[in-house]
Amino acid sequence: MANNDSREIRTMRHMAWERAKGEMRSMVVSVWGDGSLGVTEEFTKLNDAVEEFIKRVEDEGLHE
């Protein structure tokens, strides 16, 4: 993140990232897999991929 960004811009960027994480996580719960009500392999794979992506973005500061 550029040091010369205003507090408002930094706040809006942070808010946008938090919304994006929520959208990605809400996408995961839409995976029905085989139609059962339990956790499916498809759900687990997508959930793991989403969480890994979020971690990588935050660890590398790409969301700033």
N, C-alpha and C. Protein backbone atom coordinates (compact mmCIF):
# COMPACT_ATOMS: atom_id res chain seq x y z
N MET A 1 0.85 -1.16 0.00
CA MET A 1 0.00 0.00 0.00
C MET A 1 0.90 1.23 0.00
N ALA A 2 0.55 2.19 -0.77
CA ALA A 2 1.33 3.42 -0.82
C ALA A 2 1.17 4.18 0.49
N ASN A 3 2.28 4.70 0.98
CA ASN A 3 2.25 5.43 2.24
C ASN A 3 1.50 6.75 2.12
N ASN A 4 1.36 7.27 0.92
CA ASN A 4 0.70 8.56 0.75
C ASN A 4 -0.82 8.42 0.55
N ASP A 5 -1.36 7.20 0.61
CA ASP A 5 -2.81 7.02 0.52
C ASP A 5 -3.46 7.61 1.77
N SER A 6 -4.57 8.25 1.57
CA SER A 6 -5.28 8.84 2.69
C SER A 6 -5.89 7.74 3.57
N ARG A 7 -6.21 8.12 4.77
CA ARG A 7 -6.85 7.18 5.69
C ARG A 7 -8.15 6.67 5.09
N GLU A 8 -8.89 7.53 4.40
CA GLU A 8 -10.16 7.12 3.80
C GLU A 8 -9.94 6.06 2.72
N ILE A 9 -8.92 6.26 1.89
CA ILE A 9 -8.62 5.28 0.82
C ILE A 9 -8.21 3.95 1.44
N ARG A 10 -7.35 3.99 2.44
CA ARG A 10 -6.93 2.75 3.11
C ARG A 10 -8.13 2.04 3.74
N THR A 11 -9.03 2.82 4.33
CA THR A 11 -10.22 2.23 4.95
C THR A 11 -11.11 1.58 3.90
N MET A 12 -11.33 2.27 2.80
CA MET A 12 -12.17 1.71 1.73
C MET A 12 -11.54 0.46 1.13
N ARG A 13 -10.22 0.45 0.98
CA ARG A 13 -9.53 -0.73 0.45
C ARG A 13 -9.70 -1.90 1.41
N HIS A 14 -9.57 -1.63 2.69
CA HIS A 14 -9.75 -2.68 3.70
C HIS A 14 -11.18 -3.21 3.67
N MET A 15 -12.14 -2.32 3.59
CA MET A 15 -13.54 -2.72 3.53
C MET A 15 -13.81 -3.59 2.30
N ALA A 16 -13.24 -3.21 1.16
CA ALA A 16 -13.45 -3.98 -0.06
C ALA A 16 -12.86 -5.38 0.07
N TRP A 17 -11.69 -5.49 0.69
CA TRP A 17 -11.07 -6.80 0.87
C TRP A 17 -11.92 -7.67 1.81
N GLU A 18 -12.43 -7.09 2.87
CA GLU A 18 -13.28 -7.85 3.79
C GLU A 18 -14.55 -8.34 3.08
N ARG A 19 -15.13 -7.49 2.22
CA ARG A 19 -16.31 -7.92 1.46
C ARG A 19 -15.95 -9.04 0.50
N ALA A 20 -14.80 -8.94 -0.16
CA ALA A 20 -14.37 -9.98 -1.10
C ALA A 20 -14.18 -11.31 -0.39
N LYS A 21 -13.58 -11.28 0.80
CA LYS A 21 -13.41 -12.52 1.55
C LYS A 21 -14.77 -13.13 1.89
N GLY A 22 -15.71 -12.29 2.28
CA GLY A 22 -17.05 -12.79 2.58
C GLY A 22 -17.72 -13.40 1.37
N GLU A 23 -17.56 -12.78 0.22
CA GLU A 23 -18.14 -13.32 -1.01
C GLU A 23 -17.52 -14.67 -1.36
N MET A 24 -16.20 -14.77 -1.23
CA MET A 24 -15.54 -16.04 -1.54
C MET A 24 -15.99 -17.13 -0.58
N ARG A 25 -16.08 -16.81 0.70
CA ARG A 25 -16.49 -17.80 1.68
C ARG A 25 -17.96 -18.18 1.48
N SER A 26 -18.79 -17.24 1.08
CA SER A 26 -20.20 -17.58 0.85
C SER A 26 -20.35 -18.46 -0.39
N MET A 27 -19.44 -18.34 -1.34
CA MET A 27 -19.45 -19.19 -2.53
C MET A 27 -19.24 -20.65 -2.13
N VAL A 28 -18.40 -20.87 -1.13
CA VAL A 28 -18.09 -22.23 -0.70
C VAL A 28 -19.35 -22.96 -0.24
N VAL A 29 -20.21 -22.29 0.50
CA VAL A 29 -21.40 -22.98 1.02
C VAL A 29 -22.41 -23.30 -0.06
N SER A 30 -22.19 -22.80 -1.27
CA SER A 30 -23.10 -23.13 -2.37
C SER A 30 -22.74 -24.46 -3.04
N VAL A 31 -21.66 -25.08 -2.63
CA VAL A 31 -21.23 -26.35 -3.22
C VAL A 31 -22.05 -27.49 -2.60
N TRP A 32 -22.84 -28.12 -3.43
CA TRP A 32 -23.70 -29.20 -2.95
C TRP A 32 -23.06 -30.56 -3.15
N GLY A 33 -22.12 -30.67 -4.07
CA GLY A 33 -21.47 -31.96 -4.32
C GLY A 33 -22.48 -32.99 -4.76
N ASP A 34 -22.57 -34.06 -3.98
CA ASP A 34 -23.46 -35.17 -4.34
C ASP A 34 -24.89 -34.97 -3.85
N GLY A 35 -25.18 -33.81 -3.32
CA GLY A 35 -26.53 -33.51 -2.88
C GLY A 35 -26.80 -33.85 -1.43
N SER A 36 -25.83 -34.45 -0.76
CA SER A 36 -26.03 -34.79 0.64
C SER A 36 -25.94 -33.54 1.50
N LEU A 37 -26.40 -33.63 2.71
CA LEU A 37 -26.35 -32.49 3.62
C LEU A 37 -25.03 -32.44 4.37
N GLY A 38 -24.24 -33.47 4.28
CA GLY A 38 -22.95 -33.51 4.96
C GLY A 38 -21.87 -32.80 4.17
N VAL A 39 -20.68 -32.75 4.76
CA VAL A 39 -19.54 -32.13 4.09
C VAL A 39 -19.06 -33.07 3.00
N THR A 40 -18.95 -32.54 1.79
CA THR A 40 -18.51 -33.35 0.66
C THR A 40 -17.05 -33.06 0.34
N GLU A 41 -16.47 -33.92 -0.47
CA GLU A 41 -15.09 -33.73 -0.90
C GLU A 41 -14.96 -32.43 -1.70
N GLU A 42 -15.96 -32.13 -2.54
CA GLU A 42 -15.93 -30.89 -3.32
C GLU A 42 -15.92 -29.67 -2.40
N PHE A 43 -16.76 -29.71 -1.35
CA PHE A 43 -16.81 -28.62 -0.39
C PHE A 43 -15.46 -28.43 0.27
N THR A 44 -14.88 -29.52 0.74
CA THR A 44 -13.59 -29.45 1.43
C THR A 44 -12.51 -28.89 0.53
N LYS A 45 -12.45 -29.34 -0.72
CA LYS A 45 -11.43 -28.85 -1.66
C LYS A 45 -11.59 -27.36 -1.93
N LEU A 46 -12.82 -26.93 -2.19
CA LEU A 46 -13.05 -25.51 -2.47
C LEU A 46 -12.77 -24.67 -1.23
N ASN A 47 -13.22 -25.11 -0.08
CA ASN A 47 -12.97 -24.38 1.16
C ASN A 47 -11.47 -24.23 1.41
N ASP A 48 -10.74 -25.31 1.25
CA ASP A 48 -9.29 -25.26 1.44
C ASP A 48 -8.63 -24.29 0.45
N ALA A 49 -9.06 -24.32 -0.80
CA ALA A 49 -8.49 -23.43 -1.82
C ALA A 49 -8.78 -21.97 -1.51
N VAL A 50 -10.00 -21.68 -1.10
CA VAL A 50 -10.38 -20.30 -0.77
C VAL A 50 -9.58 -19.80 0.42
N GLU A 51 -9.49 -20.61 1.46
CA GLU A 51 -8.75 -20.20 2.66
C GLU A 51 -7.26 -20.03 2.37
N GLU A 52 -6.69 -20.89 1.55
CA GLU A 52 -5.29 -20.76 1.16
C GLU A 52 -5.06 -19.48 0.35
N PHE A 53 -5.98 -19.18 -0.56
CA PHE A 53 -5.87 -17.95 -1.35
C PHE A 53 -5.91 -16.73 -0.44
N ILE A 54 -6.86 -16.69 0.48
CA ILE A 54 -6.98 -15.56 1.40
C ILE A 54 -5.70 -15.42 2.23
N LYS A 55 -5.19 -16.53 2.73
CA LYS A 55 -3.97 -16.49 3.54
C LYS A 55 -2.79 -15.96 2.71
N ARG A 56 -2.66 -16.44 1.47
CA ARG A 56 -1.55 -15.99 0.61
C ARG A 56 -1.64 -14.50 0.34
N VAL A 57 -2.82 -14.04 0.00
CA VAL A 57 -3.01 -12.61 -0.29
C VAL A 57 -2.65 -11.78 0.93
N GLU A 58 -3.12 -12.19 2.10
CA GLU A 58 -2.85 -11.41 3.30
C GLU A 58 -1.38 -11.53 3.74
N ASP A 59 -0.81 -12.72 3.64
CA ASP A 59 0.60 -12.90 4.03
C ASP A 59 1.54 -12.08 3.16
N GLU A 60 1.21 -11.96 1.88
CA GLU A 60 2.05 -11.22 0.95
C GLU A 60 1.66 -9.75 0.84
N GLY A 61 0.63 -9.34 1.57
CA GLY A 61 0.21 -7.95 1.56
C GLY A 61 -0.39 -7.50 0.25
N LEU A 62 -0.91 -8.44 -0.53
CA LEU A 62 -1.47 -8.10 -1.84
C LEU A 62 -2.81 -7.39 -1.74
N HIS A 63 -3.42 -7.42 -0.59
CA HIS A 63 -4.74 -6.80 -0.40
C HIS A 63 -4.61 -5.33 -0.02
N GLU A 64 -3.41 -4.88 0.16
CA GLU A 64 -3.20 -3.50 0.61
C GLU A 64 -3.02 -2.56 -0.55
